[in-house]
PDB file of N, CA and C in Angstrom:
ATOM      1  N   MET A   1      90.820 -36.079-113.760  1.00  0.00           N
ATOM      2  CA  MET A   1      92.001 -36.111-113.001  1.00  0.00           C
ATOM      3  C   MET A   1      91.771 -36.582-111.537  1.00  0.00           C
ATOM      4  N   GLU A   2      90.624 -36.089-110.963  1.00  0.00           N
ATOM      5  CA  GLU A   2      90.274 -36.427-109.588  1.00  0.00           C
ATOM      6  C   GLU A   2      89.987 -37.913-109.518  1.00  0.00           C
ATOM      7  N   LYS A   3      89.263 -38.499-110.443  1.00  0.00           N
ATOM      8  CA  LYS A   3      88.949 -39.912-110.480  1.00  0.00           C
ATOM      9  C   LYS A   3      90.192 -40.734-110.533  1.00  0.00           C
ATOM     10  N   ASN A   4      91.143 -40.289-111.362  1.00  0.00           N
ATOM     11  CA  ASN A   4      92.384 -40.995-111.535  1.00  0.00           C
ATOM     12  C   ASN A   4      93.212 -41.023-110.236  1.00  0.00           C
ATOM     13  N   ILE A   5      93.267 -39.864-109.564  1.00  0.00           N
ATOM     14  CA  ILE A   5      93.989 -39.779-108.289  1.00  0.00           C
ATOM     15  C   ILE A   5      93.330 -40.677-107.247  1.00  0.00           C
ATOM     16  N   ASN A   6      92.002 -40.621-107.168  1.00  0.00           N
ATOM     17  CA  ASN A   6      91.251 -41.442-106.222  1.00  0.00           C
ATOM     18  C   ASN A   6      91.443 -42.912-106.442  1.00  0.00           C
ATOM     19  N   ARG A   7      91.482 -43.304-107.762  1.00  0.00           N
ATOM     20  CA  ARG A   7      91.686 -44.710-108.072  1.00  0.00           C
ATOM     21  C   ARG A   7      93.060 -45.171-107.705  1.00  0.00           C
ATOM     22  N   GLN A   8      94.068 -44.364-107.944  1.00  0.00           N
ATOM     23  CA  GLN A   8      95.465 -44.665-107.607  1.00  0.00           C
ATOM     24  C   GLN A   8      95.646 -44.697-106.056  1.00  0.00           C
ATOM     25  N   PHE A   9      94.978 -43.827-105.427  1.00  0.00           N
ATOM     26  CA  PHE A   9      95.038 -43.735-103.926  1.00  0.00           C
ATOM     27  C   PHE A   9      94.458 -45.034-103.341  1.00  0.00           C
ATOM     28  N   ASP A  10      93.283 -45.421-103.928  1.00  0.00           N
ATOM     29  CA  ASP A  10      92.590 -46.640-103.506  1.00  0.00           C
ATOM     30  C   ASP A  10      93.477 -47.830-103.690  1.00  0.00           C
ATOM     31  N   GLN A  11      94.123 -47.927-104.862  1.00  0.00           N
ATOM     32  CA  GLN A  11      95.072 -49.046-105.140  1.00  0.00           C
ATOM     33  C   GLN A  11      96.209 -49.066-104.159  1.00  0.00           C
ATOM     34  N   PHE A  12      96.762 -47.914-103.883  1.00  0.00           N
ATOM     35  CA  PHE A  12      97.819 -47.848-102.894  1.00  0.00           C
ATOM     36  C   PHE A  12      97.390 -48.333-101.516  1.00  0.00           C
ATOM     37  N   LEU A  13      96.243 -47.831-101.062  1.00  0.00           N
ATOM     38  CA  LEU A  13      95.749 -48.314 -99.755  1.00  0.00           C
ATOM     39  C   LEU A  13      95.479 -49.767 -99.732  1.00  0.00           C
ATOM     40  N   ASN A  14      94.857 -50.298-100.736  1.00  0.00           N
ATOM     41  CA  ASN A  14      94.555 -51.654-100.808  1.00  0.00           C
ATOM     42  C   ASN A  14      95.843 -52.507-100.749  1.00  0.00           C
ATOM     43  N   SER A  15      96.862 -52.147-101.582  1.00  0.00           N
ATOM     44  CA  SER A  15      98.131 -52.897-101.617  1.00  0.00           C
ATOM     45  C   SER A  15      98.839 -52.768-100.223  1.00  0.00           C
ATOM     46  N   PHE A  16      98.795 -51.569 -99.641  1.00  0.00           N
ATOM     47  CA  PHE A  16      99.425 -51.336 -98.391  1.00  0.00           C
ATOM     48  C   PHE A  16      98.847 -52.261 -97.250  1.00  0.00           C
ATOM     49  N   PHE A  17      97.516 -52.256 -97.209  1.00  0.00           N
ATOM     50  CA  PHE A  17      96.901 -53.041 -96.139  1.00  0.00           C
ATOM     51  C   PHE A  17      97.029 -54.544 -96.341  1.00  0.00           C
ATOM     52  N   ILE A  18      97.053 -55.005 -97.593  1.00  0.00           N
ATOM     53  CA  ILE A  18      97.290 -56.446 -97.863  1.00  0.00           C
ATOM     54  C   ILE A  18      98.663 -56.810 -97.464  1.00  0.00           C
ATOM     55  N   GLN A  19      99.676 -56.004 -97.796  1.00  0.00           N
ATOM     56  CA  GLN A  19     101.076 -56.335 -97.458  1.00  0.00           C
ATOM     57  C   GLN A  19     101.261 -56.216 -95.942  1.00  0.00           C
ATOM     58  N   TYR A  20     100.656 -55.210 -95.265  1.00  0.00           N
ATOM     59  CA  TYR A  20     100.798 -55.097 -93.835  1.00  0.00           C
ATOM     60  C   TYR A  20     100.174 -56.231 -93.149  1.00  0.00           C
ATOM     61  N   THR A  21      99.040 -56.738 -93.578  1.00  0.00           N
ATOM     62  CA  THR A  21      98.396 -57.882 -92.993  1.00  0.00           C
ATOM     63  C   THR A  21      99.251 -59.139 -93.076  1.00  0.00           C
ATOM     64  N   LYS A  22      99.849 -59.336 -94.263  1.00  0.00           N
ATOM     65  CA  LYS A  22     100.732 -60.472 -94.488  1.00  0.00           C
ATOM     66  C   LYS A  22     101.977 -60.353 -93.537  1.00  0.00           C
ATOM     67  N   TYR A  23     102.523 -59.178 -93.389  1.00  0.00           N
ATOM     68  CA  TYR A  23     103.635 -58.988 -92.503  1.00  0.00           C
ATOM     69  C   TYR A  23     103.266 -59.308 -91.082  1.00  0.00           C
ATOM     70  N   LYS A  24     102.154 -58.803 -90.605  1.00  0.00           N
ATOM     71  CA  LYS A  24     101.741 -59.064 -89.229  1.00  0.00           C
ATOM     72  C   LYS A  24     101.444 -60.544 -89.011  1.00  0.00           C
ATOM     73  N   ASP A  25     100.818 -61.224 -89.969  1.00  0.00           N
ATOM     74  CA  ASP A  25     100.585 -62.645 -89.872  1.00  0.00           C
ATOM     75  C   ASP A  25     101.834 -63.426 -89.724  1.00  0.00           C
ATOM     76  N   GLU A  26     102.844 -63.151 -90.547  1.00  0.00           N
ATOM     77  CA  GLU A  26     104.176 -63.773 -90.459  1.00  0.00           C
ATOM     78  C   GLU A  26     104.818 -63.515 -89.111  1.00  0.00           C
ATOM     79  N   LEU A  27     104.729 -62.297 -88.682  1.00  0.00           N
ATOM     80  CA  LEU A  27     105.313 -61.967 -87.383  1.00  0.00           C
ATOM     81  C   LEU A  27     104.647 -62.701 -86.190  1.00  0.00           C
ATOM     82  N   LEU A  28     103.373 -62.799 -86.246  1.00  0.00           N
ATOM     83  CA  LEU A  28     102.608 -63.508 -85.209  1.00  0.00           C
ATOM     84  C   LEU A  28     102.959 -65.047 -85.306  1.00  0.00           C
ATOM     85  N   ASP A  29     103.094 -65.544 -86.467  1.00  0.00           N
ATOM     86  CA  ASP A  29     103.455 -66.962 -86.683  1.00  0.00           C
ATOM     87  C   ASP A  29     104.834 -67.226 -86.066  1.00  0.00           C
ATOM     88  N   THR A  30     105.776 -66.376 -86.355  1.00  0.00           N
ATOM     89  CA  THR A  30     107.145 -66.546 -85.814  1.00  0.00           C
ATOM     90  C   THR A  30     107.092 -66.475 -84.306  1.00  0.00           C
ATOM     91  N   GLN A  31     106.401 -65.529 -83.737  1.00  0.00           N
ATOM     92  CA  GLN A  31     106.299 -65.445 -82.287  1.00  0.00           C
ATOM     93  C   GLN A  31     105.593 -66.596 -81.646  1.00  0.00           C
ATOM     94  N   ARG A  32     104.599 -67.191 -82.304  1.00  0.00           N
ATOM     95  CA  ARG A  32     103.918 -68.363 -81.840  1.00  0.00           C
ATOM     96  C   ARG A  32     104.858 -69.550 -81.799  1.00  0.00           C
ATOM     97  N   LYS A  33     105.662 -69.725 -82.833  1.00  0.00           N
ATOM     98  CA  LYS A  33     106.623 -70.818 -82.860  1.00  0.00           C
ATOM     99  C   LYS A  33     107.666 -70.679 -81.754  1.00  0.00           C
ATOM    100  N   LEU A  34     108.079 -69.458 -81.515  1.00  0.00           N
ATOM    101  CA  LEU A  34     109.062 -69.205 -80.445  1.00  0.00           C
ATOM    102  C   LEU A  34     108.463 -69.546 -79.119  1.00  0.00           C
ATOM    103  N   LEU A  35     107.235 -69.147 -78.930  1.00  0.00           N
ATOM    104  CA  LEU A  35     106.500 -69.388 -77.648  1.00  0.00           C
ATOM    105  C   LEU A  35     106.329 -70.882 -77.452  1.00  0.00           C
ATOM    106  N   GLU A  36     106.070 -71.587 -78.515  1.00  0.00           N
ATOM    107  CA  GLU A  36     105.906 -73.081 -78.428  1.00  0.00           C
ATOM    108  C   GLU A  36     107.170 -73.691 -77.948  1.00  0.00           C
ATOM    109  N   ASN A  37     108.323 -73.276 -78.462  1.00  0.00           N
ATOM    110  CA  ASN A  37     109.598 -73.856 -77.991  1.00  0.00           C
ATOM    111  C   ASN A  37     109.892 -73.503 -76.576  1.00  0.00           C
ATOM    112  N   LEU A  38     109.505 -72.297 -76.142  1.00  0.00           N
ATOM    113  CA  LEU A  38     109.784 -71.900 -74.745  1.00  0.00           C
ATOM    114  C   LEU A  38     108.818 -72.559 -73.808  1.00  0.00           C
ATOM    115  N   SER A  39     107.608 -72.954 -74.252  1.00  0.00           N
ATOM    116  CA  SER A  39     106.639 -73.517 -73.336  1.00  0.00           C
ATOM    117  C   SER A  39     106.847 -74.963 -73.107  1.00  0.00           C
ATOM    118  N   VAL A  40     107.736 -75.643 -73.800  1.00  0.00           N
ATOM    119  CA  VAL A  40     107.968 -77.020 -73.622  1.00  0.00           C
ATOM    120  C   VAL A  40     109.499 -77.259 -73.497  1.00  0.00           C
ATOM    121  N   PRO A  41     110.082 -76.771 -72.358  1.00  0.00           N
ATOM    122  CA  PRO A  41     111.589 -76.922 -72.223  1.00  0.00           C
ATOM    123  C   PRO A  41     111.886 -78.352 -71.741  1.00  0.00           C
ATOM    124  N   ILE A  42     112.829 -78.985 -72.459  1.00  0.00           N
ATOM    125  CA  ILE A  42     113.355 -80.271 -72.013  1.00  0.00           C
ATOM    126  C   ILE A  42     114.767 -80.069 -71.511  1.00  0.00           C
ATOM    127  N   ILE A  43     114.985 -80.305 -70.232  1.00  0.00           N
ATOM    128  CA  ILE A  43     116.247 -79.933 -69.569  1.00  0.00           C
ATOM    129  C   ILE A  43     116.971 -81.233 -69.355  1.00  0.00           C
ATOM    130  N   PRO A  44     118.155 -81.417 -69.952  1.00  0.00           N
ATOM    131  CA  PRO A  44     118.949 -82.632 -69.690  1.00  0.00           C
ATOM    132  C   PRO A  44     119.642 -82.479 -68.305  1.00  0.00           C
ATOM    133  N   ILE A  45     119.617 -83.608 -67.530  1.00  0.00           N
ATOM    134  CA  ILE A  45     120.361 -83.610 -66.271  1.00  0.00           C
ATOM    135  C   ILE A  45     121.454 -84.631 -66.283  1.00  0.00           C
ATOM    136  N   SER A  46     121.450 -85.547 -67.274  1.00  0.00           N
ATOM    137  CA  SER A  46     122.515 -86.442 -67.573  1.00  0.00           C
ATOM    138  C   SER A  46     122.406 -86.833 -69.070  1.00  0.00           C
ATOM    139  N   PRO A  47     123.381 -87.566 -69.585  1.00  0.00           N
ATOM    140  CA  PRO A  47     123.189 -87.877 -71.064  1.00  0.00           C
ATOM    141  C   PRO A  47     121.921 -88.622 -71.421  1.00  0.00           C
ATOM    142  N   ASP A  48     121.388 -89.413 -70.541  1.00  0.00           N
ATOM    143  CA  ASP A  48     120.175 -90.189 -70.910  1.00  0.00           C
ATOM    144  C   ASP A  48     118.980 -89.866 -70.004  1.00  0.00           C
ATOM    145  N   ILE A  49     119.047 -88.861 -69.129  1.00  0.00           N
ATOM    146  CA  ILE A  49     117.912 -88.459 -68.306  1.00  0.00           C
ATOM    147  C   ILE A  49     117.634 -86.977 -68.496  1.00  0.00           C
ATOM    148  N   SER A  50     116.374 -86.693 -68.712  1.00  0.00           N
ATOM    149  CA  SER A  50     115.993 -85.271 -68.862  1.00  0.00           C
ATOM    150  C   SER A  50     114.721 -84.991 -68.066  1.00  0.00           C
ATOM    151  N   ILE A  51     114.418 -83.731 -67.782  1.00  0.00           N
ATOM    152  CA  ILE A  51     113.174 -83.372 -67.098  1.00  0.00           C
ATOM    153  C   ILE A  51     112.446 -82.385 -67.981  1.00  0.00           C
ATOM    154  N   ILE A  52     111.152 -82.437 -67.881  1.00  0.00           N
ATOM    155  CA  ILE A  52     110.281 -81.452 -68.619  1.00  0.00           C
ATOM    156  C   ILE A  52     109.308 -80.865 -67.596  1.00  0.00           C
ATOM    157  N   PRO A  53     109.573 -79.618 -67.183  1.00  0.00           N
ATOM    158  CA  PRO A  53     108.713 -78.952 -66.254  1.00  0.00           C
ATOM    159  C   PRO A  53     107.478 -78.390 -66.997  1.00  0.00           C
ATOM    160  N   LEU A  54     106.272 -78.862 -66.626  1.00  0.00           N
ATOM    161  CA  LEU A  54     105.032 -78.449 -67.210  1.00  0.00           C
ATOM    162  C   LEU A  54     104.261 -77.548 -66.202  1.00  0.00           C
ATOM    163  N   ILE A  55     104.167 -76.332 -66.574  1.00  0.00           N
ATOM    164  CA  ILE A  55     103.498 -75.341 -65.727  1.00  0.00           C
ATOM    165  C   ILE A  55     102.298 -74.735 -66.520  1.00  0.00           C
ATOM    166  N   GLY A  56     101.229 -74.504 -65.873  1.00  0.00           N
ATOM    167  CA  GLY A  56     100.079 -73.804 -66.542  1.00  0.00           C
ATOM    168  C   GLY A  56      99.127 -74.835 -67.131  1.00  0.00           C
ATOM    169  N   ALA A  57      98.092 -74.268 -67.734  1.00  0.00           N
ATOM    170  CA  ALA A  57      97.000 -75.135 -68.359  1.00  0.00           C
ATOM    171  C   ALA A  57      97.522 -75.751 -69.615  1.00  0.00           C
ATOM    172  N   ILE A  58      97.071 -77.011 -69.769  1.00  0.00           N
ATOM    173  CA  ILE A  58      97.479 -77.748 -70.941  1.00  0.00           C
ATOM    174  C   ILE A  58      96.166 -78.062 -71.760  1.00  0.00           C
ATOM    175  N   ASP A  59      96.001 -77.324 -72.807  1.00  0.00           N
ATOM    176  CA  ASP A  59      94.817 -77.599 -73.708  1.00  0.00           C
ATOM    177  C   ASP A  59      95.282 -78.593 -74.818  1.00  0.00           C
ATOM    178  N   SER A  60      94.351 -78.912 -75.664  1.00  0.00           N
ATOM    179  CA  SER A  60      94.684 -80.001 -76.652  1.00  0.00           C
ATOM    180  C   SER A  60      95.783 -79.474 -77.600  1.00  0.00           C
ATOM    181  N   TYR A  61      95.833 -78.185 -77.991  1.00  0.00           N
ATOM    182  CA  TYR A  61      96.875 -77.697 -78.846  1.00  0.00           C
ATOM    183  C   TYR A  61      98.201 -77.828 -78.168  1.00  0.00           C
ATOM    184  N   ARG A  62      98.357 -77.396 -76.885  1.00  0.00           N
ATOM    185  CA  ARG A  62      99.605 -77.498 -76.169  1.00  0.00           C
ATOM    186  C   ARG A  62     100.034 -78.951 -75.957  1.00  0.00           C
ATOM    187  N   ALA A  63      99.038 -79.861 -75.694  1.00  0.00           N
ATOM    188  CA  ALA A  63      99.278 -81.250 -75.504  1.00  0.00           C
ATOM    189  C   ALA A  63      99.907 -81.830 -76.796  1.00  0.00           C
ATOM    190  N   ASN A  64      99.362 -81.480 -77.942  1.00  0.00           N
ATOM    191  CA  ASN A  64      99.947 -81.939 -79.222  1.00  0.00           C
ATOM    192  C   ASN A  64     101.389 -81.420 -79.402  1.00  0.00           C
ATOM    193  N   THR A  65     101.594 -80.155 -79.023  1.00  0.00           N
ATOM    194  CA  THR A  65     102.934 -79.556 -79.186  1.00  0.00           C
ATOM    195  C   THR A  65     103.931 -80.215 -78.263  1.00  0.00           C
ATOM    196  N   ILE A  66     103.516 -80.544 -77.025  1.00  0.00           N
ATOM    197  CA  ILE A  66     104.348 -81.228 -76.064  1.00  0.00           C
ATOM    198  C   ILE A  66     104.684 -82.611 -76.578  1.00  0.00           C
ATOM    199  N   GLU A  67     103.694 -83.322 -77.042  1.00  0.00           N
ATOM    200  CA  GLU A  67     103.897 -84.665 -77.554  1.00  0.00           C
ATOM    201  C   GLU A  67     104.922 -84.653 -78.728  1.00  0.00           C
ATOM    202  N   ASP A  68     104.661 -83.756 -79.723  1.00  0.00           N
ATOM    203  CA  ASP A  68     105.563 -83.666 -80.882  1.00  0.00           C
ATOM    204  C   ASP A  68     107.033 -83.369 -80.434  1.00  0.00           C
ATOM    205  N   LYS A  69     107.167 -82.456 -79.603  1.00  0.00           N
ATOM    206  CA  LYS A  69     108.531 -82.021 -79.166  1.00  0.00           C
ATOM    207  C   LYS A  69     109.232 -83.138 -78.352  1.00  0.00           C
ATOM    208  N   ILE A  70     108.454 -83.786 -77.529  1.00  0.00           N
ATOM    209  CA  ILE A  70     109.031 -84.875 -76.709  1.00  0.00           C
ATOM    210  C   ILE A  70     109.487 -86.031 -77.602  1.00  0.00           C
ATOM    211  N   ILE A  71     108.673 -86.416 -78.489  1.00  0.00           N
ATOM    212  CA  ILE A  71     109.076 -87.516 -79.420  1.00  0.00           C
ATOM    213  C   ILE A  71     110.239 -87.161 -80.262  1.00  0.00           C
ATOM    214  N   THR A  72     110.289 -85.914 -80.748  1.00  0.00           N
ATOM    215  CA  THR A  72     111.440 -85.482 -81.542  1.00  0.00           C
ATOM    216  C   THR A  72     112.722 -85.451 -80.692  1.00  0.00           C
ATOM    217  N   GLU A  73     112.536 -84.887 -79.452  1.00  0.00           N
ATOM    218  CA  GLU A  73     113.808 -84.733 -78.650  1.00  0.00           C
ATOM    219  C   GLU A  73     114.278 -86.072 -78.160  1.00  0.00           C
ATOM    220  N   ILE A  74     113.351 -86.982 -77.845  1.00  0.00           N
ATOM    221  CA  ILE A  74     113.833 -88.338 -77.446  1.00  0.00           C
ATOM    222  C   ILE A  74     114.615 -88.992 -78.520  1.00  0.00           C
ATOM    223  N   GLY A  75     114.158 -88.871 -79.766  1.00  0.00           N
ATOM    224  CA  GLY A  75     114.904 -89.457 -80.862  1.00  0.00           C
ATOM    225  C   GLY A  75     116.202 -88.841 -81.115  1.00  0.00           C
ATOM    226  N   ASN A  76     116.292 -87.480 -81.063  1.00  0.00           N
ATOM    227  CA  ASN A  76     117.487 -86.698 -81.283  1.00  0.00           C
ATOM    228  C   ASN A  76     118.538 -86.916 -80.206  1.00  0.00           C
ATOM    229  N   SER A  77     118.095 -86.871 -78.959  1.00  0.00           N
ATOM    230  CA  SER A  77     119.014 -86.886 -77.835  1.00  0.00           C
ATOM    231  C   SER A  77     119.170 -88.309 -77.207  1.00  0.00           C
ATOM    232  N   HIS A  78     118.468 -89.298 -77.663  1.00  0.00           N
ATOM    233  CA  HIS A  78     118.525 -90.661 -77.167  1.00  0.00           C
ATOM    234  C   HIS A  78     118.244 -90.703 -75.627  1.00  0.00           C
ATOM    235  N   ILE A  79     117.181 -89.938 -75.215  1.00  0.00           N
ATOM    236  CA  ILE A  79     116.740 -89.915 -73.841  1.00  0.00           C
ATOM    237  C   ILE A  79     116.171 -91.210 -73.429  1.00  0.00           C
ATOM    238  N   GLN A  80     116.609 -91.808 -72.307  1.00  0.00           N
ATOM    239  CA  GLN A  80     116.076 -93.038 -71.779  1.00  0.00           C
ATOM    240  C   GLN A  80     115.014 -92.773 -70.732  1.00  0.00           C
ATOM    241  N   THR A  81     115.152 -91.700 -69.969  1.00  0.00           N
ATOM    242  CA  THR A  81     114.177 -91.360 -68.876  1.00  0.00           C
ATOM    243  C   THR A  81     113.828 -89.977 -69.016  1.00  0.00           C
ATOM    244  N   LEU A  82     112.507 -89.709 -68.958  1.00  0.00           N
ATOM    245  CA  LEU A  82     112.009 -88.345 -68.991  1.00  0.00           C
ATOM    246  C   LEU A  82     111.111 -88.143 -67.816  1.00  0.00           C
ATOM    247  N   ILE A  83     111.448 -87.240 -66.985  1.00  0.00           N
ATOM    248  CA  ILE A  83     110.700 -86.978 -65.757  1.00  0.00           C
ATOM    249  C   ILE A  83     109.862 -85.706 -65.970  1.00  0.00           C
TER     250      ILE A  83
END
């Protein structure tokens, strides 16, 4: 009976930690995506002119994020000038 209880308890802990890890990974991914959007604000000042304030260090990951967001936003908003 003791072996059976220990085995079931081990299965429970294993399942619990796997599910908890998946939950935390999804939460961190969601927060990372939110932070990416907030770190590259494109502010329209007229229908065809926008500004993008860049503050802080720009590593290669952030540079790629900035590039992707700028290209997407230019296409969606028909921006002619980006400062």
